[in-house]
Amino acid sequence: MILNAFSKYLQERNDDIINNRTTTMKLLCEWIRLIIAKNPENNVDKIVQKEIMLTENKDGSFVIVGNSKSGRVLVKALYNFALSYESYIMSKWLSDKKPDDFTNR
């Protein structure tokens, strides 16, 4: 249910990922920040708000922390999903490329 909601968010941003404007890790932080900032509308919002904490470092990078054991499992699942989604998108993009496409002319 939570991975499905995050997956939909990523799908909406496919072009940004493909065109290298953002990464799935940045989108994960953005999605969590959006969920945490709003009033909970459904069970996904409630669970994310209860189980995950998002903090920002002084340098502007984010740290995602699980508030409990189940929260840490959720964070790990979201992290792994984001990485695998980015890998999937890039492999699709590479599928029709040839080595000559990457040489400087």
C-alpha atoms as a PDB file:
ATOM      1  CA  MET A   1       0.000   0.000   0.000  1.00  0.00           C
ATOM      2  CA  ILE A   2       2.778   2.461   0.923  1.00  0.00           C
ATOM      3  CA  LEU A   3       5.097   1.269  -1.837  1.00  0.00           C
ATOM      4  CA  ASN A   4       2.188   1.580  -4.264  1.00  0.00           C
ATOM      5  CA  ALA A   5       1.609   5.210  -3.258  1.00  0.00           C
ATOM      6  CA  PHE A   6       5.321   5.991  -3.587  1.00  0.00           C
ATOM      7  CA  SER A   7       5.434   4.169  -6.924  1.00  0.00           C
ATOM      8  CA  LYS A   8       2.673   6.382  -8.306  1.00  0.00           C
ATOM      9  CA  TYR A   9       4.586   9.459  -7.172  1.00  0.00           C
ATOM     10  CA  LEU A  10       7.714   8.230  -8.951  1.00  0.00           C
ATOM     11  CA  GLN A  11       5.786   7.430 -12.127  1.00  0.00           C
ATOM     12  CA  GLU A  12       4.518  11.000 -12.234  1.00  0.00           C
ATOM     13  CA  ARG A  13       8.143  12.172 -12.198  1.00  0.00           C
ATOM     14  CA  ASN A  14       9.574   9.734 -14.789  1.00  0.00           C
ATOM     15  CA  ASP A  15      10.606  12.519 -17.152  1.00  0.00           C
ATOM     16  CA  ASP A  16      12.556  14.276 -14.408  1.00  0.00           C
ATOM     17  CA  ILE A  17      14.430  11.055 -13.638  1.00  0.00           C
ATOM     18  CA  ILE A  18      15.139  10.253 -17.289  1.00  0.00           C
ATOM     19  CA  ASN A  19      16.319  13.783 -18.040  1.00  0.00           C
ATOM     20  CA  ASN A  20      18.591  13.733 -14.985  1.00  0.00           C
ATOM     21  CA  ARG A  21      16.826  16.627 -13.254  1.00  0.00           C
ATOM     22  CA  THR A  22      16.435  14.621 -10.062  1.00  0.00           C
ATOM     23  CA  THR A  23      17.069  11.208  -8.534  1.00  0.00           C
ATOM     24  CA  THR A  24      14.736   8.736  -6.913  1.00  0.00           C
ATOM     25  CA  MET A  25      16.473   9.371  -3.582  1.00  0.00           C
ATOM     26  CA  LYS A  26      15.640  13.066  -3.794  1.00  0.00           C
ATOM     27  CA  LEU A  27      12.093  12.173  -4.788  1.00  0.00           C
ATOM     28  CA  LEU A  28      11.816   9.823  -1.816  1.00  0.00           C
ATOM     29  CA  CYS A  29      12.742  12.657   0.544  1.00  0.00           C
ATOM     30  CA  GLU A  30      10.375  15.016  -1.259  1.00  0.00           C
ATOM     31  CA  TRP A  31       7.511  12.510  -1.070  1.00  0.00           C
ATOM     32  CA  ILE A  32       8.057  11.853   2.639  1.00  0.00           C
ATOM     33  CA  ARG A  33       8.258  15.582   3.330  1.00  0.00           C
ATOM     34  CA  LEU A  34       4.957  16.131   1.481  1.00  0.00           C
ATOM     35  CA  ILE A  35       3.252  13.311   3.394  1.00  0.00           C
ATOM     36  CA  ILE A  36       4.533  14.487   6.779  1.00  0.00           C
ATOM     37  CA  ALA A  37       3.579  18.130   6.155  1.00  0.00           C
ATOM     38  CA  LYS A  38      -0.087  17.527   5.401  1.00  0.00           C
ATOM     39  CA  ASN A  39      -3.014  16.403   7.501  1.00  0.00           C
ATOM     40  CA  PRO A  40      -3.361  12.630   7.135  1.00  0.00           C
ATOM     41  CA  GLU A  41      -5.984  11.753   4.539  1.00  0.00           C
ATOM     42  CA  ASN A  42      -5.592   7.973   4.480  1.00  0.00           C
ATOM     43  CA  ASN A  43      -3.762   5.057   6.105  1.00  0.00           C
ATOM     44  CA  VAL A  44      -0.620   5.640   4.034  1.00  0.00           C
ATOM     45  CA  ASP A  45      -0.314   9.174   5.404  1.00  0.00           C
ATOM     46  CA  LYS A  46      -0.966   8.008   8.965  1.00  0.00           C
ATOM     47  CA  ILE A  47       1.599   5.211   8.815  1.00  0.00           C
ATOM     48  CA  VAL A  48       4.301   7.340   7.201  1.00  0.00           C
ATOM     49  CA  GLN A  49       3.734  10.137   9.705  1.00  0.00           C
ATOM     50  CA  LYS A  50       3.931   7.724  12.620  1.00  0.00           C
ATOM     51  CA  GLU A  51       6.796   5.525  11.465  1.00  0.00           C
ATOM     52  CA  ILE A  52       9.172   7.858   9.602  1.00  0.00           C
ATOM     53  CA  MET A  53      11.049  10.977  10.600  1.00  0.00           C
ATOM     54  CA  LEU A  54      12.769  13.200   8.043  1.00  0.00           C
ATOM     55  CA  THR A  55      15.479  15.569   9.221  1.00  0.00           C
ATOM     56  CA  GLU A  56      17.611  18.026   7.299  1.00  0.00           C
ATOM     57  CA  ASN A  57      21.322  18.502   7.909  1.00  0.00           C
ATOM     58  CA  LYS A  58      23.018  21.903   7.951  1.00  0.00           C
ATOM     59  CA  ASP A  59      24.295  21.288   4.430  1.00  0.00           C
ATOM     60  CA  GLY A  60      20.751  20.755   3.140  1.00  0.00           C
ATOM     61  CA  SER A  61      20.844  16.984   2.782  1.00  0.00           C
ATOM     62  CA  PHE A  62      18.105  14.872   4.304  1.00  0.00           C
ATOM     63  CA  VAL A  63      18.222  11.914   6.644  1.00  0.00           C
ATOM     64  CA  ILE A  64      15.326   9.465   6.765  1.00  0.00           C
ATOM     65  CA  VAL A  65      14.933   7.642  10.070  1.00  0.00           C
ATOM     66  CA  GLY A  66      12.491   4.979  11.178  1.00  0.00           C
ATOM     67  CA  ASN A  67      10.886   5.757  14.531  1.00  0.00           C
ATOM     68  CA  SER A  68      10.593   2.069  15.439  1.00  0.00           C
ATOM     69  CA  LYS A  69      11.678  -1.333  14.191  1.00  0.00           C
ATOM     70  CA  SER A  70       8.778  -1.427  11.729  1.00  0.00           C
ATOM     71  CA  GLY A  71       9.618   2.136  10.679  1.00  0.00           C
ATOM     72  CA  ARG A  72      13.194   1.115   9.912  1.00  0.00           C
ATOM     73  CA  VAL A  73      11.899  -1.805   7.836  1.00  0.00           C
ATOM     74  CA  LEU A  74       9.629   0.608   5.967  1.00  0.00           C
ATOM     75  CA  VAL A  75      12.480   3.063   5.337  1.00  0.00           C
ATOM     76  CA  LYS A  76      14.670   0.244   4.027  1.00  0.00           C
ATOM     77  CA  ALA A  77      11.875  -0.982   1.739  1.00  0.00           C
ATOM     78  CA  LEU A  78      11.265   2.517   0.360  1.00  0.00           C
ATOM     79  CA  TYR A  79      15.007   3.066  -0.123  1.00  0.00           C
ATOM     80  CA  ASN A  80      15.469  -0.245  -1.951  1.00  0.00           C
ATOM     81  CA  PHE A  81      12.374   0.388  -4.064  1.00  0.00           C
ATOM     82  CA  ALA A  82      13.644   3.830  -5.068  1.00  0.00           C
ATOM     83  CA  LEU A  83      17.003   2.393  -6.124  1.00  0.00           C
ATOM     84  CA  SER A  84      15.435  -0.456  -8.074  1.00  0.00           C
ATOM     85  CA  TYR A  85      12.983   1.914  -9.795  1.00  0.00           C
ATOM     86  CA  GLU A  86      15.803   4.192 -10.901  1.00  0.00           C
ATOM     87  CA  SER A  87      17.748   1.183 -12.176  1.00  0.00           C
ATOM     88  CA  TYR A  88      14.672  -0.023 -14.072  1.00  0.00           C
ATOM     89  CA  ILE A  89      14.080   3.379 -15.689  1.00  0.00           C
ATOM     90  CA  MET A  90      17.724   3.669 -16.722  1.00  0.00           C
ATOM     91  CA  SER A  91      17.836   0.134 -18.127  1.00  0.00           C
ATOM     92  CA  LYS A  92      14.762   0.911 -20.241  1.00  0.00           C
ATOM     93  CA  TRP A  93      16.432   4.092 -21.453  1.00  0.00           C
ATOM     94  CA  LEU A  94      19.641   2.212 -22.313  1.00  0.00           C
ATOM     95  CA  SER A  95      17.896  -0.645 -24.109  1.00  0.00           C
ATOM     96  CA  ASP A  96      17.884   1.046 -27.512  1.00  0.00           C
ATOM     97  CA  LYS A  97      21.289   2.743 -27.202  1.00  0.00           C
ATOM     98  CA  LYS A  98      24.419   1.646 -29.035  1.00  0.00           C
ATOM     99  CA  PRO A  99      28.047   2.154 -27.933  1.00  0.00           C
ATOM    100  CA  ASP A 100      28.487   4.783 -30.656  1.00  0.00           C
ATOM    101  CA  ASP A 101      25.777   6.874 -28.985  1.00  0.00           C
ATOM    102  CA  PHE A 102      28.225   7.586 -26.158  1.00  0.00           C
ATOM    103  CA  THR A 103      31.318   8.566 -28.110  1.00  0.00           C
ATOM    104  CA  ASN A 104      32.410  12.161 -28.547  1.00  0.00           C
ATOM    105  CA  ARG A 105      32.453  13.230 -32.147  1.00  0.00           C
END
